[in-house]
């Protein structure tokens, strides 16, 4: 996998969400991603960045345009130093929430993108990586 561009944004307050979403959209437009795939990626990214604000008081997102086997895509890596998730398996189930939400955020974000990876441990924060390919489903 080749990284073509790389940028980092700090997400520390609610006002950072709109500029972040706009930056993600810029990357998807730059590689010629379809409107449907743009919407899927931006929706997943919005959910993950709001989770980062809600549960970890913010963090950073690494935004990259990547290339692999003659296809391009956008990779977003959300990194926080919050309390972490003690049971990832449970957190990835629809309907589970430690907050007052519907519990659809993490599993819903996973369904919207082509690749999804999450690493977390109590007291060590959480890192979520998502990729949506230009011609992904």
Foldseek 3Di string as FASTA:
>chain_A
DFWPDKDKDWQQDPVVLVVVLVVLLVVLVVQPADPLLNVLQSVLVSLVQVCCCVFANTFMKMWTWGDDPHWIKIKIKGWGQGQWDADVVQLLDQQDDPDPDRSPRNVSNCVSADDWDKDTHGRGTIMIMTMHIRPHD
